[in-house]
C-alpha atoms as a PDB file:
ATOM      1  CA  MET A   1      32.136  23.281 -40.540  1.00  0.00           C
ATOM      2  CA  GLU A   2      33.226  26.595 -42.232  1.00  0.00           C
ATOM      3  CA  VAL A   3      31.387  27.876 -44.872  1.00  0.00           C
ATOM      4  CA  MET A   4      32.729  30.596 -47.436  1.00  0.00           C
ATOM      5  CA  SER A   5      32.198  31.477 -50.617  1.00  0.00           C
ATOM      6  CA  TYR A   6      33.343  29.547 -54.282  1.00  0.00           C
ATOM      7  CA  SER A   7      35.366  32.788 -55.096  1.00  0.00           C
ATOM      8  CA  ASN A   8      37.113  32.922 -51.412  1.00  0.00           C
ATOM      9  CA  PHE A   9      37.207  28.963 -51.176  1.00  0.00           C
ATOM     10  CA  ARG A  10      38.815  29.353 -55.479  1.00  0.00           C
ATOM     11  CA  GLU A  11      41.586  31.740 -54.009  1.00  0.00           C
ATOM     12  CA  LYS A  12      42.590  30.005 -50.901  1.00  0.00           C
ATOM     13  CA  LEU A  13      42.441  26.269 -52.655  1.00  0.00           C
ATOM     14  CA  ALA A  14      45.815  24.658 -51.325  1.00  0.00           C
ATOM     15  CA  SER A  15      45.377  26.155 -47.727  1.00  0.00           C
ATOM     16  CA  VAL A  16      42.147  25.252 -47.370  1.00  0.00           C
ATOM     17  CA  LEU A  17      42.230  21.684 -48.525  1.00  0.00           C
ATOM     18  CA  ASP A  18      45.954  20.817 -46.391  1.00  0.00           C
ATOM     19  CA  THR A  19      43.352  22.525 -43.642  1.00  0.00           C
ATOM     20  CA  ILE A  20      40.802  19.945 -44.155  1.00  0.00           C
ATOM     21  CA  SER A  21      43.134  17.217 -44.538  1.00  0.00           C
ATOM     22  CA  ASN A  22      44.812  17.886 -41.372  1.00  0.00           C
ATOM     23  CA  ASN A  23      42.055  18.818 -39.499  1.00  0.00           C
ATOM     24  CA  SER A  24      39.051  15.903 -40.566  1.00  0.00           C
ATOM     25  CA  THR A  25      37.037  19.657 -41.217  1.00  0.00           C
ATOM     26  CA  VAL A  26      34.031  19.892 -43.413  1.00  0.00           C
ATOM     27  CA  VAL A  27      33.895  22.638 -46.125  1.00  0.00           C
ATOM     28  CA  LYS A  28      30.556  23.871 -47.158  1.00  0.00           C
ATOM     29  CA  VAL A  29      31.182  25.390 -50.232  1.00  0.00           C
ATOM     30  CA  THR A  30      28.500  28.374 -51.434  1.00  0.00           C
ATOM     31  CA  ARG A  31      27.962  30.187 -54.914  1.00  0.00           C
ATOM     32  CA  GLN A  32      26.087  32.898 -56.232  1.00  0.00           C
ATOM     33  CA  ASN A  33      22.764  30.608 -57.656  1.00  0.00           C
ATOM     34  CA  GLY A  34      22.661  29.352 -54.378  1.00  0.00           C
ATOM     35  CA  LYS A  35      23.972  26.131 -54.925  1.00  0.00           C
ATOM     36  CA  ALA A  36      26.565  24.479 -52.416  1.00  0.00           C
ATOM     37  CA  ALA A  37      28.746  21.314 -52.246  1.00  0.00           C
ATOM     38  CA  ILE A  38      30.732  19.727 -49.369  1.00  0.00           C
ATOM     39  CA  VAL A  39      34.139  19.890 -49.173  1.00  0.00           C
ATOM     40  CA  MET A  40      36.014  16.781 -47.415  1.00  0.00           C
ATOM     41  CA  SER A  41      39.159  14.587 -46.641  1.00  0.00           C
ATOM     42  CA  LEU A  42      38.700  11.214 -48.743  1.00  0.00           C
ATOM     43  CA  GLU A  43      39.903   9.443 -45.440  1.00  0.00           C
ATOM     44  CA  ASP A  44      36.963  11.078 -43.743  1.00  0.00           C
ATOM     45  CA  TRP A  45      34.468  10.324 -45.764  1.00  0.00           C
ATOM     46  CA  GLU A  46      35.042   6.831 -46.262  1.00  0.00           C
ATOM     47  CA  ARG A  47      35.240   6.614 -42.429  1.00  0.00           C
ATOM     48  CA  ASP A  48      31.253   8.073 -43.280  1.00  0.00           C
ATOM     49  CA  GLN A  49      30.685   5.319 -45.904  1.00  0.00           C
ATOM     50  CA  GLU A  50      32.047   3.069 -43.476  1.00  0.00           C
ATOM     51  CA  THR A  51      29.470   3.620 -40.954  1.00  0.00           C
ATOM     52  CA  LEU A  52      26.003   4.465 -42.937  1.00  0.00           C
ATOM     53  CA  TYR A  53      26.784   0.850 -44.513  1.00  0.00           C
ATOM     54  CA  VAL A  54      26.454  -0.717 -40.844  1.00  0.00           C
ATOM     55  CA  LEU A  55      23.813   1.493 -40.068  1.00  0.00           C
ATOM     56  CA  GLN A  56      22.355   0.617 -43.120  1.00  0.00           C
ATOM     57  CA  ASN A  57      22.799  -3.612 -42.565  1.00  0.00           C
ATOM     58  CA  LYS A  58      20.302  -5.023 -40.539  1.00  0.00           C
ATOM     59  CA  SER A  59      22.260  -8.044 -39.416  1.00  0.00           C
ATOM     60  CA  LEU A  60      25.122  -5.890 -38.051  1.00  0.00           C
ATOM     61  CA  MET A  61      22.957  -3.877 -36.346  1.00  0.00           C
ATOM     62  CA  ARG A  62      20.883  -7.051 -34.462  1.00  0.00           C
ATOM     63  CA  GLN A  63      24.838  -8.582 -33.620  1.00  0.00           C
ATOM     64  CA  ILE A  64      25.885  -4.526 -31.806  1.00  0.00           C
ATOM     65  CA  ALA A  65      22.346  -4.983 -30.451  1.00  0.00           C
ATOM     66  CA  GLU A  66      23.097  -8.879 -28.800  1.00  0.00           C
ATOM     67  CA  SER A  67      26.518  -7.895 -28.565  1.00  0.00           C
ATOM     68  CA  LEU A  68      25.765  -4.512 -25.871  1.00  0.00           C
ATOM     69  CA  GLN A  69      23.268  -6.724 -24.483  1.00  0.00           C
ATOM     70  CA  THR A  70      25.836  -9.497 -23.897  1.00  0.00           C
ATOM     71  CA  HIS A  71      28.258  -7.406 -22.559  1.00  0.00           C
ATOM     72  CA  GLN A  72      25.990  -5.314 -20.281  1.00  0.00           C
ATOM     73  CA  ALA A  73      24.524  -8.328 -18.401  1.00  0.00           C
ATOM     74  CA  GLY A  74      27.836  -9.496 -18.027  1.00  0.00           C
ATOM     75  CA  LYS A  75      28.025 -12.659 -19.758  1.00  0.00           C
ATOM     76  CA  GLY A  76      30.624 -11.689 -23.144  1.00  0.00           C
ATOM     77  CA  HIS A  77      33.804 -13.398 -23.396  1.00  0.00           C
ATOM     78  CA  LEU A  78      36.533 -12.990 -21.522  1.00  0.00           C
ATOM     79  CA  ALA A  79      39.510 -13.243 -23.889  1.00  0.00           C
ATOM     80  CA  ASP A  80      42.601 -15.088 -21.913  1.00  0.00           C
ATOM     81  CA  LYS A  81      45.962 -13.544 -22.182  1.00  0.00           C
ATOM     82  CA  ASP A  82      47.473 -15.682 -25.047  1.00  0.00           C
ATOM     83  CA  THR A  83      45.199 -13.740 -27.019  1.00  0.00           C
ATOM     84  CA  LEU A  84      45.118 -11.168 -25.976  1.00  0.00           C
ATOM     85  CA  ASP A  85      48.350 -11.167 -27.326  1.00  0.00           C
ATOM     86  CA  GLU A  86      47.958 -12.275 -29.980  1.00  0.00           C
ATOM     87  CA  ILE A  87      45.678  -9.236 -31.052  1.00  0.00           C
ATOM     88  CA  PHE A  88      47.445  -6.342 -29.527  1.00  0.00           C
ATOM     89  CA  GLY A  89      50.820  -7.920 -31.220  1.00  0.00           C
ATOM     90  CA  VAL A  90      52.959  -8.533 -27.649  1.00  0.00           C
END
């Protein structure tokens, strides 16, 4: 994570926002009063929110854990060629 002062952030606003958007970086903007803020792309923020939703959802986490156990035991469902073609749009 890059850290920069509010003044530096303000001076370079356009280029910093481009870098954040293009490189999925996060910038911590500090102020003289000691308070800080994080600037990140909307796409990254939405992805993080989805991840947090899944991690906080006990039912989904249980399904993921059960699926992992099934996969590790080699007992998972194997899709046929037609199903795979449909999934991948072939």
